[in-house]
C-alpha atoms as a PDB file:
ATOM      1  CA  MET A   1     -11.531  14.398 -38.048  1.00  0.00           C
ATOM      2  CA  LEU A   2     -10.046  14.738 -34.571  1.00  0.00           C
ATOM      3  CA  LEU A   3      -6.602  16.234 -34.271  1.00  0.00           C
ATOM      4  CA  GLY A   4      -3.988  16.399 -31.527  1.00  0.00           C
ATOM      5  CA  ARG A   5      -5.226  16.249 -27.972  1.00  0.00           C
ATOM      6  CA  ASP A   6      -8.845  15.486 -28.935  1.00  0.00           C
ATOM      7  CA  TYR A   7      -7.723  12.479 -30.973  1.00  0.00           C
ATOM      8  CA  ILE A   8      -5.592  11.129 -28.137  1.00  0.00           C
ATOM      9  CA  GLU A   9      -8.324  11.590 -25.525  1.00  0.00           C
ATOM     10  CA  SER A  10     -10.846   9.929 -27.819  1.00  0.00           C
ATOM     11  CA  ARG A  11      -8.475   6.995 -28.402  1.00  0.00           C
ATOM     12  CA  VAL A  12      -7.831   6.637 -24.657  1.00  0.00           C
ATOM     13  CA  PHE A  13     -11.558   6.329 -23.932  1.00  0.00           C
ATOM     14  CA  GLU A  14     -12.158   3.989 -26.881  1.00  0.00           C
ATOM     15  CA  ILE A  15      -9.361   1.649 -25.829  1.00  0.00           C
ATOM     16  CA  ALA A  16     -10.486   1.710 -22.185  1.00  0.00           C
ATOM     17  CA  LYS A  17     -14.068   0.867 -23.162  1.00  0.00           C
ATOM     18  CA  TYR A  18     -12.875  -1.909 -25.478  1.00  0.00           C
ATOM     19  CA  ILE A  19     -10.711  -3.450 -22.735  1.00  0.00           C
ATOM     20  CA  LEU A  20     -13.603  -3.344 -20.268  1.00  0.00           C
ATOM     21  CA  ASP A  21     -16.085  -4.793 -22.771  1.00  0.00           C
ATOM     22  CA  THR A  22     -13.845  -7.632 -23.954  1.00  0.00           C
ATOM     23  CA  ASN A  23     -11.372  -8.193 -21.084  1.00  0.00           C
ATOM     24  CA  CYS A  24      -8.755  -8.402 -23.824  1.00  0.00           C
ATOM     25  CA  THR A  25      -5.027  -8.033 -23.395  1.00  0.00           C
ATOM     26  CA  VAL A  26      -2.972  -4.935 -24.143  1.00  0.00           C
ATOM     27  CA  ARG A  27      -1.582  -6.768 -27.179  1.00  0.00           C
ATOM     28  CA  ALA A  28      -5.081  -7.512 -28.521  1.00  0.00           C
ATOM     29  CA  ALA A  29      -6.179  -3.904 -27.984  1.00  0.00           C
ATOM     30  CA  ALA A  30      -3.056  -2.661 -29.759  1.00  0.00           C
ATOM     31  CA  ARG A  31      -3.873  -4.871 -32.751  1.00  0.00           C
ATOM     32  CA  LYS A  32      -7.501  -3.709 -32.798  1.00  0.00           C
ATOM     33  CA  PHE A  33      -6.617   0.008 -32.687  1.00  0.00           C
ATOM     34  CA  GLU A  34      -3.517  -0.336 -34.865  1.00  0.00           C
ATOM     35  CA  VAL A  35      -1.166   1.216 -32.320  1.00  0.00           C
ATOM     36  CA  SER A  36       1.767  -0.209 -30.381  1.00  0.00           C
ATOM     37  CA  LYS A  37       1.489  -2.027 -27.069  1.00  0.00           C
ATOM     38  CA  SER A  38       3.490   0.827 -25.566  1.00  0.00           C
ATOM     39  CA  THR A  39       0.899   3.342 -26.746  1.00  0.00           C
ATOM     40  CA  VAL A  40      -1.974   1.310 -25.293  1.00  0.00           C
ATOM     41  CA  HIS A  41      -0.134   0.942 -22.007  1.00  0.00           C
ATOM     42  CA  LYS A  42       0.710   4.656 -21.832  1.00  0.00           C
ATOM     43  CA  ASP A  43      -2.887   5.592 -22.709  1.00  0.00           C
ATOM     44  CA  LEU A  44      -4.328   3.390 -19.981  1.00  0.00           C
ATOM     45  CA  VAL A  45      -1.769   3.819 -17.207  1.00  0.00           C
ATOM     46  CA  GLU A  46      -0.648   7.426 -17.620  1.00  0.00           C
ATOM     47  CA  ARG A  47      -3.298   9.346 -19.558  1.00  0.00           C
ATOM     48  CA  LEU A  48      -6.562   7.717 -18.455  1.00  0.00           C
ATOM     49  CA  PRO A  49      -6.183   8.502 -14.713  1.00  0.00           C
ATOM     50  CA  HIS A  50      -5.997  12.220 -15.582  1.00  0.00           C
ATOM     51  CA  LEU A  51      -9.213  11.948 -17.598  1.00  0.00           C
ATOM     52  CA  SER A  52     -11.293   9.573 -15.472  1.00  0.00           C
ATOM     53  CA  GLN A  53      -9.933   7.997 -12.299  1.00  0.00           C
ATOM     54  CA  SER A  54     -12.905   5.652 -11.831  1.00  0.00           C
ATOM     55  CA  LEU A  55     -12.584   4.327 -15.383  1.00  0.00           C
ATOM     56  CA  ALA A  56      -8.824   3.974 -14.868  1.00  0.00           C
ATOM     57  CA  ASP A  57      -9.438   1.930 -11.710  1.00  0.00           C
ATOM     58  CA  ASP A  58     -11.783  -0.423 -13.587  1.00  0.00           C
ATOM     59  CA  VAL A  59      -9.320  -0.848 -16.454  1.00  0.00           C
ATOM     60  CA  ARG A  60      -6.459  -1.441 -13.996  1.00  0.00           C
ATOM     61  CA  LYS A  61      -8.376  -4.429 -12.561  1.00  0.00           C
ATOM     62  CA  VAL A  62      -8.617  -6.008 -16.024  1.00  0.00           C
ATOM     63  CA  LEU A  63      -4.942  -5.308 -16.765  1.00  0.00           C
ATOM     64  CA  ASP A  64      -3.873  -6.815 -13.440  1.00  0.00           C
ATOM     65  CA  GLU A  65      -6.032  -9.892 -14.019  1.00  0.00           C
ATOM     66  CA  ASN A  66      -4.576 -10.370 -17.507  1.00  0.00           C
ATOM     67  CA  LYS A  67      -1.057  -9.996 -16.158  1.00  0.00           C
ATOM     68  CA  ALA A  68      -1.727 -12.598 -13.465  1.00  0.00           C
ATOM     69  CA  GLU A  69      -3.043 -15.046 -16.090  1.00  0.00           C
ATOM     70  CA  ARG A  70      -0.318 -14.371 -18.653  1.00  0.00           C
ATOM     71  CA  HIS A  71       1.795 -17.394 -17.689  1.00  0.00           C
ATOM     72  CA  ILE A  72      -1.221 -19.672 -18.089  1.00  0.00           C
ATOM     73  CA  ARG A  73      -1.987 -18.405 -21.611  1.00  0.00           C
ATOM     74  CA  GLY A  74       1.667 -18.841 -22.537  1.00  0.00           C
ATOM     75  CA  GLY A  75       1.631 -22.414 -21.303  1.00  0.00           C
ATOM     76  CA  LEU A  76      -1.535 -23.185 -23.235  1.00  0.00           C
ATOM     77  CA  ALA A  77      -0.060 -21.704 -26.410  1.00  0.00           C
ATOM     78  CA  THR A  78       3.073 -23.812 -26.006  1.00  0.00           C
ATOM     79  CA  LYS A  79       0.972 -26.933 -25.400  1.00  0.00           C
ATOM     80  CA  ALA A  80      -1.099 -26.248 -28.527  1.00  0.00           C
ATOM     81  CA  LYS A  81       2.072 -25.718 -30.569  1.00  0.00           C
ATOM     82  CA  TYR A  82       3.537 -29.079 -29.596  1.00  0.00           C
ATOM     83  CA  GLU A  83       0.219 -30.892 -30.032  1.00  0.00           C
ATOM     84  CA  ALA A  84      -0.026 -29.488 -33.571  1.00  0.00           C
ATOM     85  CA  GLU A  85       3.533 -30.634 -34.294  1.00  0.00           C
ATOM     86  CA  ARG A  86       2.734 -34.143 -33.025  1.00  0.00           C
ATOM     87  CA  GLU A  87      -0.396 -34.245 -35.181  1.00  0.00           C
ATOM     88  CA  ARG A  88       1.597 -33.222 -38.291  1.00  0.00           C
ATOM     89  CA  GLU A  89       4.195 -35.910 -37.552  1.00  0.00           C
ATOM     90  CA  ARG A  90       1.449 -38.496 -37.069  1.00  0.00           C
ATOM     91  CA  LYS A  91      -0.107 -37.594 -40.423  1.00  0.00           C
ATOM     92  CA  ASN A  92       3.291 -37.694 -42.156  1.00  0.00           C
ATOM     93  CA  ASN A  93       4.008 -41.145 -40.701  1.00  0.00           C
ATOM     94  CA  MET A  94       0.686 -42.475 -42.051  1.00  0.00           C
ATOM     95  CA  ARG A  95       1.682 -41.700 -45.644  1.00  0.00           C
END
């Protein structure tokens, strides 16, 4: 079992690889690795550049892309929520 610094460095690289492989959000990575969004962000923005600048640059591109698309995902989630509500109302009115 890894302890202390080795565990943190291992987690930083695992999260970075996962983000690059899946293009997932910080929130999704936090769920996958069972840590907070703050921890994921700190690992990728503060710790990773000290360990591997090239990997940090690649991860930064994914994070920036996700941030730029965040408002679109939020809009889609809101749209889906209201469509589901309309569908439930429609089904209730058919009874």
